[in-house]
PDB file of N, CA and C in Angstrom:
ATOM      1  N   MET A   1      76.772 119.382  83.968  1.00  0.00           N
ATOM      2  CA  MET A   1      75.808 119.880  84.931  1.00  0.00           C
ATOM      3  C   MET A   1      75.914 121.404  84.968  1.00  0.00           C
ATOM      4  N   LYS A   2      74.777 122.028  84.804  1.00  0.00           N
ATOM      5  CA  LYS A   2      74.731 123.485  84.905  1.00  0.00           C
ATOM      6  C   LYS A   2      74.578 123.875  86.370  1.00  0.00           C
ATOM      7  N   THR A   3      75.045 125.056  86.722  1.00  0.00           N
ATOM      8  CA  THR A   3      74.903 125.571  88.085  1.00  0.00           C
ATOM      9  C   THR A   3      74.082 126.846  88.045  1.00  0.00           C
ATOM     10  N   ARG A   4      73.104 126.929  88.935  1.00  0.00           N
ATOM     11  CA  ARG A   4      72.276 128.134  89.052  1.00  0.00           C
ATOM     12  C   ARG A   4      72.558 128.798  90.386  1.00  0.00           C
ATOM     13  N   PHE A   5      72.851 130.085  90.333  1.00  0.00           N
ATOM     14  CA  PHE A   5      73.042 130.870  91.544  1.00  0.00           C
ATOM     15  C   PHE A   5      71.788 131.721  91.731  1.00  0.00           C
ATOM     16  N   ILE A   6      71.040 131.414  92.757  1.00  0.00           N
ATOM     17  CA  ILE A   6      69.780 132.100  93.004  1.00  0.00           C
ATOM     18  C   ILE A   6      70.059 133.521  93.496  1.00  0.00           C
ATOM     19  N   ALA A   7      69.262 134.463  93.030  1.00  0.00           N
ATOM     20  CA  ALA A   7      69.432 135.874  93.383  1.00  0.00           C
ATOM     21  C   ALA A   7      69.117 136.121  94.850  1.00  0.00           C
ATOM     22  N   ASP A   8      69.921 136.967  95.460  1.00  0.00           N
ATOM     23  CA  ASP A   8      69.648 137.368  96.842  1.00  0.00           C
ATOM     24  C   ASP A   8      68.531 138.408  96.847  1.00  0.00           C
ATOM     25  N   PRO A   9      67.918 138.676  98.008  1.00  0.00           N
ATOM     26  CA  PRO A   9      66.780 139.605  98.068  1.00  0.00           C
ATOM     27  C   PRO A   9      67.081 141.000  97.502  1.00  0.00           C
ATOM     28  N   VAL A  10      68.298 141.489  97.670  1.00  0.00           N
ATOM     29  CA  VAL A  10      68.641 142.826  97.165  1.00  0.00           C
ATOM     30  C   VAL A  10      68.694 142.807  95.632  1.00  0.00           C
ATOM     31  N   ARG A  11      69.382 141.850  95.072  1.00  0.00           N
ATOM     32  CA  ARG A  11      69.496 141.757  93.610  1.00  0.00           C
ATOM     33  C   ARG A  11      68.149 141.437  92.967  1.00  0.00           C
ATOM     34  N   TYR A  12      67.349 140.633  93.630  1.00  0.00           N
ATOM     35  CA  TYR A  12      66.048 140.233  93.084  1.00  0.00           C
ATOM     36  C   TYR A  12      65.165 141.442  92.789  1.00  0.00           C
ATOM     37  N   ARG A  13      65.204 142.451  93.646  1.00  0.00           N
ATOM     38  CA  ARG A  13      64.352 143.649  93.483  1.00  0.00           C
ATOM     39  C   ARG A  13      64.677 144.438  92.222  1.00  0.00           C
ATOM     40  N   THR A  14      65.890 144.296  91.716  1.00  0.00           N
ATOM     41  CA  THR A  14      66.305 145.080  90.548  1.00  0.00           C
ATOM     42  C   THR A  14      66.293 144.276  89.250  1.00  0.00           C
ATOM     43  N   MET A  15      65.878 143.014  89.326  1.00  0.00           N
ATOM     44  CA  MET A  15      65.916 142.148  88.148  1.00  0.00           C
ATOM     45  C   MET A  15      64.719 142.376  87.226  1.00  0.00           C
ATOM     46  N   THR A  16      64.986 142.230  85.923  1.00  0.00           N
ATOM     47  CA  THR A  16      63.915 142.312  84.940  1.00  0.00           C
ATOM     48  C   THR A  16      63.196 140.957  84.886  1.00  0.00           C
ATOM     49  N   THR A  17      62.074 140.928  84.203  1.00  0.00           N
ATOM     50  CA  THR A  17      61.332 139.675  84.040  1.00  0.00           C
ATOM     51  C   THR A  17      62.196 138.621  83.356  1.00  0.00           C
ATOM     52  N   THR A  18      62.942 139.019  82.365  1.00  0.00           N
ATOM     53  CA  THR A  18      63.821 138.088  81.650  1.00  0.00           C
ATOM     54  C   THR A  18      64.889 137.529  82.574  1.00  0.00           C
ATOM     55  N   GLN A  19      65.493 138.373  83.402  1.00  0.00           N
ATOM     56  CA  GLN A  19      66.517 137.911  84.335  1.00  0.00           C
ATOM     57  C   GLN A  19      65.936 136.946  85.375  1.00  0.00           C
ATOM     58  N   ILE A  20      64.749 137.233  85.862  1.00  0.00           N
ATOM     59  CA  ILE A  20      64.095 136.337  86.826  1.00  0.00           C
ATOM     60  C   ILE A  20      63.813 134.993  86.165  1.00  0.00           C
ATOM     61  N   ARG A  21      63.318 135.036  84.957  1.00  0.00           N
ATOM     62  CA  ARG A  21      63.028 133.797  84.221  1.00  0.00           C
ATOM     63  C   ARG A  21      64.297 132.974  84.027  1.00  0.00           C
ATOM     64  N   GLU A  22      65.384 133.608  83.625  1.00  0.00           N
ATOM     65  CA  GLU A  22      66.648 132.904  83.403  1.00  0.00           C
ATOM     66  C   GLU A  22      67.217 132.327  84.704  1.00  0.00           C
ATOM     67  N   THR A  23      66.933 132.962  85.829  1.00  0.00           N
ATOM     68  CA  THR A  23      67.430 132.498  87.117  1.00  0.00           C
ATOM     69  C   THR A  23      66.647 131.314  87.652  1.00  0.00           C
ATOM     70  N   PHE A  24      65.328 131.332  87.514  1.00  0.00           N
ATOM     71  CA  PHE A  24      64.496 130.334  88.175  1.00  0.00           C
ATOM     72  C   PHE A  24      63.937 129.235  87.271  1.00  0.00           C
ATOM     73  N   LEU A  25      63.754 129.485  85.993  1.00  0.00           N
ATOM     74  CA  LEU A  25      63.152 128.497  85.105  1.00  0.00           C
ATOM     75  C   LEU A  25      64.182 127.443  84.702  1.00  0.00           C
ATOM     76  N   ILE A  26      63.830 126.191  84.917  1.00  0.00           N
ATOM     77  CA  ILE A  26      64.669 125.086  84.466  1.00  0.00           C
ATOM     78  C   ILE A  26      63.924 124.432  83.304  1.00  0.00           C
ATOM     79  N   ASP A  27      64.477 124.584  82.115  1.00  0.00           N
ATOM     80  CA  ASP A  27      63.831 123.999  80.944  1.00  0.00           C
ATOM     81  C   ASP A  27      64.814 123.101  80.206  1.00  0.00           C
ATOM     82  N   ASN A  28      64.353 122.463  79.189  1.00  0.00           N
ATOM     83  CA  ASN A  28      65.164 121.573  78.358  1.00  0.00           C
ATOM     84  C   ASN A  28      65.747 120.394  79.133  1.00  0.00           C
ATOM     85  N   LEU A  29      65.035 119.918  80.152  1.00  0.00           N
ATOM     86  CA  LEU A  29      65.516 118.755  80.898  1.00  0.00           C
ATOM     87  C   LEU A  29      65.254 117.459  80.141  1.00  0.00           C
ATOM     88  N   CYS A  30      64.147 117.381  79.449  1.00  0.00           N
ATOM     89  CA  CYS A  30      63.740 116.133  78.797  1.00  0.00           C
ATOM     90  C   CYS A  30      64.249 116.094  77.361  1.00  0.00           C
ATOM     91  N   VAL A  31      65.417 115.488  77.191  1.00  0.00           N
ATOM     92  CA  VAL A  31      65.993 115.293  75.863  1.00  0.00           C
ATOM     93  C   VAL A  31      66.207 113.791  75.690  1.00  0.00           C
ATOM     94  N   PRO A  32      65.489 113.157  74.777  1.00  0.00           N
ATOM     95  CA  PRO A  32      65.609 111.714  74.604  1.00  0.00           C
ATOM     96  C   PRO A  32      67.052 111.268  74.371  1.00  0.00           C
ATOM     97  N   GLY A  33      67.466 110.260  75.137  1.00  0.00           N
ATOM     98  CA  GLY A  33      68.809 109.704  74.996  1.00  0.00           C
ATOM     99  C   GLY A  33      69.882 110.434  75.784  1.00  0.00           C
ATOM    100  N   GLU A  34      69.491 111.407  76.599  1.00  0.00           N
ATOM    101  CA  GLU A  34      70.477 112.193  77.352  1.00  0.00           C
ATOM    102  C   GLU A  34      70.049 112.354  78.801  1.00  0.00           C
ATOM    103  N   ILE A  35      71.004 112.790  79.617  1.00  0.00           N
ATOM    104  CA  ILE A  35      70.718 113.147  81.003  1.00  0.00           C
ATOM    105  C   ILE A  35      71.116 114.607  81.183  1.00  0.00           C
ATOM    106  N   HIS A  36      70.231 115.358  81.803  1.00  0.00           N
ATOM    107  CA  HIS A  36      70.496 116.774  82.058  1.00  0.00           C
ATOM    108  C   HIS A  36      70.282 117.045  83.540  1.00  0.00           C
ATOM    109  N   GLN A  37      71.198 117.813  84.131  1.00  0.00           N
ATOM    110  CA  GLN A  37      71.137 118.115  85.553  1.00  0.00           C
ATOM    111  C   GLN A  37      71.442 119.591  85.779  1.00  0.00           C
ATOM    112  N   VAL A  38      70.785 120.152  86.799  1.00  0.00           N
ATOM    113  CA  VAL A  38      71.037 121.530  87.197  1.00  0.00           C
ATOM    114  C   VAL A  38      71.271 121.540  88.699  1.00  0.00           C
ATOM    115  N   TYR A  39      72.409 122.097  89.113  1.00  0.00           N
ATOM    116  CA  TYR A  39      72.724 122.240  90.528  1.00  0.00           C
ATOM    117  C   TYR A  39      72.268 123.621  90.976  1.00  0.00           C
ATOM    118  N   ILE A  40      71.475 123.667  92.046  1.00  0.00           N
ATOM    119  CA  ILE A  40      70.951 124.937  92.555  1.00  0.00           C
ATOM    120  C   ILE A  40      71.659 125.250  93.869  1.00  0.00           C
ATOM    121  N   ASP A  41      72.368 126.372  93.901  1.00  0.00           N
ATOM    122  CA  ASP A  41      73.215 126.678  95.054  1.00  0.00           C
ATOM    123  C   ASP A  41      72.437 126.953  96.333  1.00  0.00           C
ATOM    124  N   LEU A  42      71.244 127.497  96.245  1.00  0.00           N
ATOM    125  CA  LEU A  42      70.482 127.878  97.432  1.00  0.00           C
ATOM    126  C   LEU A  42      70.202 126.677  98.343  1.00  0.00           C
ATOM    127  N   ASP A  43      69.718 125.603  97.768  1.00  0.00           N
ATOM    128  CA  ASP A  43      69.377 124.412  98.546  1.00  0.00           C
ATOM    129  C   ASP A  43      70.414 123.313  98.403  1.00  0.00           C
ATOM    130  N   ARG A  44      71.460 123.574  97.644  1.00  0.00           N
ATOM    131  CA  ARG A  44      72.448 122.552  97.309  1.00  0.00           C
ATOM    132  C   ARG A  44      71.746 121.302  96.802  1.00  0.00           C
ATOM    133  N   ALA A  45      70.863 121.504  95.848  1.00  0.00           N
ATOM    134  CA  ALA A  45      70.045 120.426  95.291  1.00  0.00           C
ATOM    135  C   ALA A  45      70.354 120.256  93.808  1.00  0.00           C
ATOM    136  N   VAL A  46      70.106 119.049  93.325  1.00  0.00           N
ATOM    137  CA  VAL A  46      70.263 118.762  91.911  1.00  0.00           C
ATOM    138  C   VAL A  46      68.889 118.391  91.361  1.00  0.00           C
ATOM    139  N   VAL A  47      68.507 119.086  90.296  1.00  0.00           N
ATOM    140  CA  VAL A  47      67.268 118.778  89.586  1.00  0.00           C
ATOM    141  C   VAL A  47      67.691 118.228  88.234  1.00  0.00           C
ATOM    142  N   GLY A  48      67.103 117.117  87.857  1.00  0.00           N
ATOM    143  CA  GLY A  48      67.514 116.554  86.589  1.00  0.00           C
ATOM    144  C   GLY A  48      66.549 115.532  86.057  1.00  0.00           C
ATOM    145  N   MET A  49      66.875 115.066  84.872  1.00  0.00           N
ATOM    146  CA  MET A  49      66.058 114.043  84.230  1.00  0.00           C
ATOM    147  C   MET A  49      66.927 113.227  83.287  1.00  0.00           C
ATOM    148  N   ALA A  50      66.727 111.921  83.337  1.00  0.00           N
ATOM    149  CA  ALA A  50      67.384 111.017  82.401  1.00  0.00           C
ATOM    150  C   ALA A  50      66.308 110.426  81.509  1.00  0.00           C
ATOM    151  N   ALA A  51      66.549 110.454  80.220  1.00  0.00           N
ATOM    152  CA  ALA A  51      65.591 109.908  79.270  1.00  0.00           C
ATOM    153  C   ALA A  51      66.304 108.899  78.368  1.00  0.00           C
ATOM    154  N   PRO A  52      66.632 107.721  78.929  1.00  0.00           N
ATOM    155  CA  PRO A  52      67.349 106.722  78.125  1.00  0.00           C
ATOM    156  C   PRO A  52      66.450 106.146  77.025  1.00  0.00           C
ATOM    157  N   LEU A  53      67.076 105.813  75.922  1.00  0.00           N
ATOM    158  CA  LEU A  53      66.343 105.174  74.824  1.00  0.00           C
ATOM    159  C   LEU A  53      66.818 103.722  74.736  1.00  0.00           C
ATOM    160  N   LYS A  54      67.718 103.442  73.832  1.00  0.00           N
ATOM    161  CA  LYS A  54      68.222 102.071  73.670  1.00  0.00           C
ATOM    162  C   LYS A  54      69.442 101.805  74.532  1.00  0.00           C
ATOM    163  N   ASN A  55      70.231 102.819  74.799  1.00  0.00           N
ATOM    164  CA  ASN A  55      71.466 102.647  75.561  1.00  0.00           C
ATOM    165  C   ASN A  55      71.297 103.130  76.996  1.00  0.00           C
ATOM    166  N   ARG A  56      72.091 102.573  77.884  1.00  0.00           N
ATOM    167  CA  ARG A  56      72.079 103.020  79.272  1.00  0.00           C
ATOM    168  C   ARG A  56      72.741 104.387  79.377  1.00  0.00           C
ATOM    169  N   ILE A  57      72.317 105.129  80.374  1.00  0.00           N
ATOM    170  CA  ILE A  57      72.921 106.435  80.651  1.00  0.00           C
ATOM    171  C   ILE A  57      73.509 106.369  82.053  1.00  0.00           C
ATOM    172  N   ALA A  58      74.782 106.669  82.173  1.00  0.00           N
ATOM    173  CA  ALA A  58      75.454 106.610  83.472  1.00  0.00           C
ATOM    174  C   ALA A  58      75.132 107.855  84.295  1.00  0.00           C
ATOM    175  N   LEU A  59      74.774 107.632  85.546  1.00  0.00           N
ATOM    176  CA  LEU A  59      74.521 108.731  86.479  1.00  0.00           C
ATOM    177  C   LEU A  59      75.798 108.927  87.283  1.00  0.00           C
ATOM    178  N   THR A  60      76.665 109.781  86.788  1.00  0.00           N
ATOM    179  CA  THR A  60      77.968 109.991  87.410  1.00  0.00           C
ATOM    180  C   THR A  60      77.965 111.265  88.248  1.00  0.00           C
ATOM    181  N   ALA A  61      78.935 111.360  89.126  1.00  0.00           N
ATOM    182  CA  ALA A  61      79.066 112.547  89.973  1.00  0.00           C
ATOM    183  C   ALA A  61      79.845 113.616  89.219  1.00  0.00           C
ATOM    184  N   ASP A  62      79.225 114.727  89.006  1.00  0.00           N
ATOM    185  CA  ASP A  62      79.879 115.867  88.376  1.00  0.00           C
ATOM    186  C   ASP A  62      80.892 116.453  89.357  1.00  0.00           C
ATOM    187  N   ASP A  63      81.909 117.138  88.853  1.00  0.00           N
ATOM    188  CA  ASP A  63      82.915 117.761  89.727  1.00  0.00           C
ATOM    189  C   ASP A  63      82.290 118.751  90.708  1.00  0.00           C
ATOM    190  N   THR A  64      81.158 119.328  90.340  1.00  0.00           N
ATOM    191  CA  THR A  64      80.458 120.268  91.211  1.00  0.00           C
ATOM    192  C   THR A  64      80.078 119.627  92.540  1.00  0.00           C
ATOM    193  N   LEU A  65      79.746 118.352  92.512  1.00  0.00           N
ATOM    194  CA  LEU A  65      79.303 117.650  93.715  1.00  0.00           C
ATOM    195  C   LEU A  65      80.450 117.275  94.649  1.00  0.00           C
ATOM    196  N   ARG A  66      81.656 117.211  94.104  1.00  0.00           N
ATOM    197  CA  ARG A  66      82.830 116.812  94.897  1.00  0.00           C
ATOM    198  C   ARG A  66      82.566 115.503  95.653  1.00  0.00           C
ATOM    199  N   ALA A  67      82.089 114.516  94.908  1.00  0.00           N
ATOM    200  CA  ALA A  67      81.752 113.218  95.483  1.00  0.00           C
ATOM    201  C   ALA A  67      82.239 112.120  94.542  1.00  0.00           C
ATOM    202  N   LYS A  68      82.389 110.927  95.097  1.00  0.00           N
ATOM    203  CA  LYS A  68      82.818 109.789  94.288  1.00  0.00           C
ATOM    204  C   LYS A  68      81.683 109.246  93.432  1.00  0.00           C
ATOM    205  N   SER A  69      80.465 109.315  93.960  1.00  0.00           N
ATOM    206  CA  SER A  69      79.300 108.850  93.203  1.00  0.00           C
ATOM    207  C   SER A  69      78.181 109.878  93.344  1.00  0.00           C
ATOM    208  N   PHE A  70      77.208 109.807  92.457  1.00  0.00           N
ATOM    209  CA  PHE A  70      76.114 110.780  92.474  1.00  0.00           C
ATOM    210  C   PHE A  70      75.314 110.715  93.767  1.00  0.00           C
ATOM    211  N   THR A  71      75.156 109.531  94.324  1.00  0.00           N
ATOM    212  CA  THR A  71      74.316 109.361  95.520  1.00  0.00           C
ATOM    213  C   THR A  71      75.082 109.481  96.829  1.00  0.00           C
ATOM    214  N   GLU A  72      76.342 109.854  96.774  1.00  0.00           N
ATOM    215  CA  GLU A  72      77.136 109.987  98.009  1.00  0.00           C
ATOM    216  C   GLU A  72      76.696 111.170  98.836  1.00  0.00           C
TER     217      GLU A  72
END
């Protein structure tokens, strides 16, 4: 699971277009046969996508969540 730290208002004013894009754009979520997740610190939210093919994909709790299960 990747972690995104959203820019504060002061830092945001000095960021380039590339830096803003890298901070806010979540891409490459849809990879067949894999699960990808991004933890966003501002809302303490997880954005992700699972694209199972033939095998099941386990939705486990990453250490970032500090939980026993993903839905805890």
